[in-house]
Amino acid sequence: MRLKPSAIVLCCSFLFANIIFAQTTDLLISEYIEGSSYNKAVEIYNGTGSTIDLSSYALELYSNGNTSANTTLALSGTLPDGDVYIVAHGSSDTALLNVADTTSGAVNFNGDDAFVLQKTGEGIIDVIGQIGFDPGSSWTNNGVSTINQTLRRKAAICAGDTDGSDSFDPSVEWVSLSTDTFDGLGA
């Protein structure tokens, strides 16, 4: 039996009806893994509609309430629209290392560290946590925590948090998964 073109379009529309393709204003951190031991990673998503030159971007780690970055990782290469760039700690589990685009000690964060995606000439593009504030062991609200959890950005969020000094509630923009959940990285 051969399907008519209209039937094929209807079928494809049904298949893709549950997939959300969000247009973002710039890159944003789409996943944050603060797992056991060195199982740490971040995923950066490009939904801008264009390929992005990563050499204008850097990741910064602000440990324990510091107001200056303890560690900075300059990014390199290009990131096509709809793709992700994953940075994992070099001593992470093999499952993380297998999907990582690069490894770095810059992702050696704990639940009380602020983590920033910075763009040259523009400043903060996205931040997890609050620069200059130590919350104790983590930022936690409504069961969503920056310690011992994997956080995935909510599908409705299309822009990063550009204010590193405002209070941070992870439950506003993030969904929490159990510790050492890696299956969504690279998706």
Protein backbone atom coordinates (compact mmCIF):
# COMPACT_ATOMS: atom_id res chain seq x y z
CA MET A 1 0.00 0.00 0.00
CA ARG A 2 1.35 3.39 -0.96
CA LEU A 3 0.60 6.45 1.22
CA LYS A 4 -0.52 9.70 -0.34
CA PRO A 5 1.75 12.71 0.35
CA SER A 6 -0.95 14.25 2.57
CA ALA A 7 -1.02 11.06 4.67
CA ILE A 8 2.76 11.17 5.05
CA VAL A 9 2.65 14.80 6.20
CA LEU A 10 -0.11 13.98 8.69
CA CYS A 11 1.89 11.01 9.99
CA CYS A 12 5.09 13.07 10.37
CA SER A 13 3.19 15.89 12.07
CA PHE A 14 1.86 13.40 14.59
CA LEU A 15 5.28 11.88 15.19
CA PHE A 16 6.88 15.25 15.84
CA ALA A 17 3.96 16.83 17.73
CA ASN A 18 5.53 16.17 21.14
CA ILE A 19 8.97 17.55 20.29
CA ILE A 20 9.62 21.16 21.26
CA PHE A 21 12.25 23.10 19.36
CA ALA A 22 12.96 26.26 21.34
CA GLN A 23 14.60 29.28 19.73
CA THR A 24 17.11 30.79 22.16
CA THR A 25 18.53 34.29 22.22
CA ASP A 26 22.08 33.03 22.81
CA LEU A 27 23.78 29.92 24.14
CA LEU A 28 22.53 28.63 27.47
CA ILE A 29 23.43 25.96 29.98
CA SER A 30 20.92 23.19 29.32
CA GLU A 31 22.17 20.55 31.77
CA TYR A 32 24.21 20.61 34.98
CA ILE A 33 25.51 17.43 36.59
CA GLU A 34 26.74 17.63 40.17
CA GLY A 35 27.12 13.93 40.85
CA SER A 36 29.16 11.66 43.04
CA SER A 37 32.93 12.06 43.23
CA TYR A 38 34.19 13.77 40.02
CA ASN A 39 30.99 13.15 38.05
CA LYS A 40 30.58 16.80 37.08
CA ALA A 41 29.54 18.16 33.69
CA VAL A 42 27.69 20.97 31.95
CA GLU A 43 25.92 20.93 28.62
CA ILE A 44 25.65 24.13 26.58
CA TYR A 45 22.83 24.36 24.02
CA ASN A 46 22.72 26.40 20.81
CA GLY A 47 19.18 27.11 19.68
CA THR A 48 19.91 30.46 18.03
CA GLY A 49 19.31 29.46 14.43
CA SER A 50 22.98 29.96 13.52
CA THR A 51 26.32 28.25 14.04
CA ILE A 52 28.17 29.91 16.94
CA ASP A 53 31.92 30.51 17.19
CA LEU A 54 32.73 29.33 20.72
CA SER A 55 35.98 31.31 20.93
CA SER A 56 33.91 34.27 22.24
CA TYR A 57 32.72 32.22 25.24
CA ALA A 58 34.20 31.00 28.52
CA LEU A 59 33.03 29.01 31.53
CA GLU A 60 33.87 30.41 34.97
CA LEU A 61 33.73 28.76 38.36
CA TYR A 62 33.14 30.95 41.44
CA SER A 63 33.82 28.73 44.47
CA ASN A 64 32.32 29.13 47.93
CA GLY A 65 30.90 32.63 47.54
CA ASN A 66 33.91 34.20 45.80
CA THR A 67 33.37 37.36 43.78
CA SER A 68 36.21 36.53 41.37
CA ALA A 69 36.41 33.42 39.21
CA ASN A 70 38.60 30.68 40.67
CA THR A 71 38.86 28.86 37.34
CA THR A 72 38.15 29.90 33.76
CA LEU A 73 37.89 27.70 30.68
CA ALA A 74 38.01 29.45 27.30
CA LEU A 75 35.88 27.54 24.80
CA SER A 76 36.92 26.86 21.20
CA GLY A 77 35.50 25.49 17.99
CA THR A 78 32.03 26.00 16.58
CA LEU A 79 28.62 24.85 17.75
CA PRO A 80 25.95 24.28 15.08
CA ASP A 81 22.37 25.34 15.68
CA GLY A 82 20.42 22.67 17.57
CA ASP A 83 23.58 21.03 18.93
CA VAL A 84 25.15 20.90 22.38
CA TYR A 85 28.68 21.23 23.73
CA ILE A 86 29.56 19.16 26.79
CA VAL A 87 32.34 19.87 29.27
CA ALA A 88 33.05 17.13 31.83
CA HIS A 89 35.59 16.75 34.58
CA GLY A 90 38.56 14.67 33.35
CA SER A 91 38.10 12.13 36.16
CA SER A 92 34.39 11.60 35.51
CA ASP A 93 32.71 8.27 34.91
CA THR A 94 33.31 6.78 31.44
CA ALA A 95 29.64 7.42 30.56
CA LEU A 96 30.29 11.18 30.90
CA LEU A 97 33.66 11.12 29.20
CA ASN A 98 32.22 9.28 26.18
CA VAL A 99 29.87 12.17 25.36
CA ALA A 100 32.13 15.07 26.41
CA ASP A 101 33.45 17.48 23.80
CA THR A 102 36.20 18.49 26.20
CA THR A 103 37.32 17.87 29.78
CA SER A 104 38.39 20.43 32.33
CA GLY A 105 38.91 20.99 36.03
CA ALA A 106 36.77 24.12 35.57
CA VAL A 107 33.75 21.88 36.14
CA ASN A 108 35.00 20.75 39.55
CA PHE A 109 32.09 22.47 41.27
CA ASN A 110 30.13 21.58 44.36
CA GLY A 111 26.56 22.51 45.21
CA ASP A 112 27.54 25.87 46.72
CA ASP A 113 29.60 27.15 43.77
CA ALA A 114 28.33 29.59 41.13
CA PHE A 115 28.99 28.57 37.55
CA VAL A 116 28.92 31.11 34.69
CA LEU A 117 28.80 31.08 30.88
CA GLN A 118 30.48 34.33 29.84
CA LYS A 119 30.61 36.01 26.39
CA THR A 120 33.39 38.42 25.42
CA GLY A 121 32.08 41.97 25.19
CA GLU A 122 28.68 41.07 26.63
CA GLY A 123 29.35 39.59 30.07
CA ILE A 124 27.25 36.89 31.69
CA ILE A 125 25.11 34.88 29.28
CA ASP A 126 23.97 32.34 31.86
CA VAL A 127 24.64 31.50 35.51
CA ILE A 128 23.83 28.73 37.94
CA GLY A 129 23.98 29.96 41.52
CA GLN A 130 24.73 33.44 42.81
CA ILE A 131 28.15 35.04 42.50
CA GLY A 132 29.49 36.32 45.82
CA PHE A 133 27.09 34.31 47.97
CA ASP A 134 27.72 31.00 49.71
CA PRO A 135 24.38 29.28 50.42
CA GLY A 136 25.94 26.68 52.73
CA SER A 137 25.98 23.33 50.95
CA SER A 138 23.64 24.15 48.02
CA TRP A 139 20.83 26.19 46.53
CA THR A 140 17.72 24.11 47.17
CA ASN A 141 13.99 24.72 46.78
CA ASN A 142 11.00 22.46 46.08
CA GLY A 143 13.21 19.36 45.87
CA VAL A 144 15.50 20.90 43.22
CA SER A 145 19.08 21.24 44.45
CA THR A 146 22.49 22.12 43.07
CA ILE A 147 24.12 19.31 45.05
CA ASN A 148 24.07 15.60 44.23
CA GLN A 149 21.56 16.03 41.41
CA THR A 150 21.39 16.36 37.67
CA LEU A 151 19.54 19.50 36.62
CA ARG A 152 17.94 19.91 33.18
CA ARG A 153 16.62 23.21 31.93
CA LYS A 154 12.85 23.41 31.65
CA ALA A 155 11.73 23.30 28.00
CA ALA A 156 10.05 26.72 28.24
CA ILE A 157 13.32 28.50 29.16
CA CYS A 158 14.77 30.13 26.05
CA ALA A 159 17.28 32.56 27.58
CA GLY A 160 19.95 32.28 30.22
CA ASP A 161 20.05 34.03 33.59
CA THR A 162 22.27 37.05 32.88
CA ASP A 163 22.30 38.46 36.43
CA GLY A 164 24.94 36.68 38.50
CA SER A 165 24.19 38.73 41.61
CA ASP A 166 20.46 38.04 42.01
CA SER A 167 19.13 35.35 44.34
CA PHE A 168 19.04 31.88 42.79
CA ASP A 169 16.17 29.41 43.08
CA PRO A 170 16.94 26.31 41.00
CA SER A 171 13.28 25.21 40.94
CA VAL A 172 12.29 28.20 38.78
CA GLU A 173 14.17 27.13 35.61
CA TRP A 174 15.39 23.60 36.31
CA VAL A 175 14.03 20.07 36.65
CA SER A 176 15.89 17.78 39.02
CA LEU A 177 16.93 14.19 38.40
CA SER A 178 18.70 11.79 40.73
CA THR A 179 22.45 11.89 41.21
CA ASP A 180 24.62 10.50 38.39
CA THR A 181 21.86 10.68 35.76
CA PHE A 182 23.76 11.05 32.49
CA ASP A 183 21.34 9.67 29.91
CA GLY A 184 20.17 13.07 28.64
CA LEU A 185 23.61 14.52 27.89
CA GLY A 186 24.09 15.16 24.22
CA ALA A 187 20.37 15.02 23.45
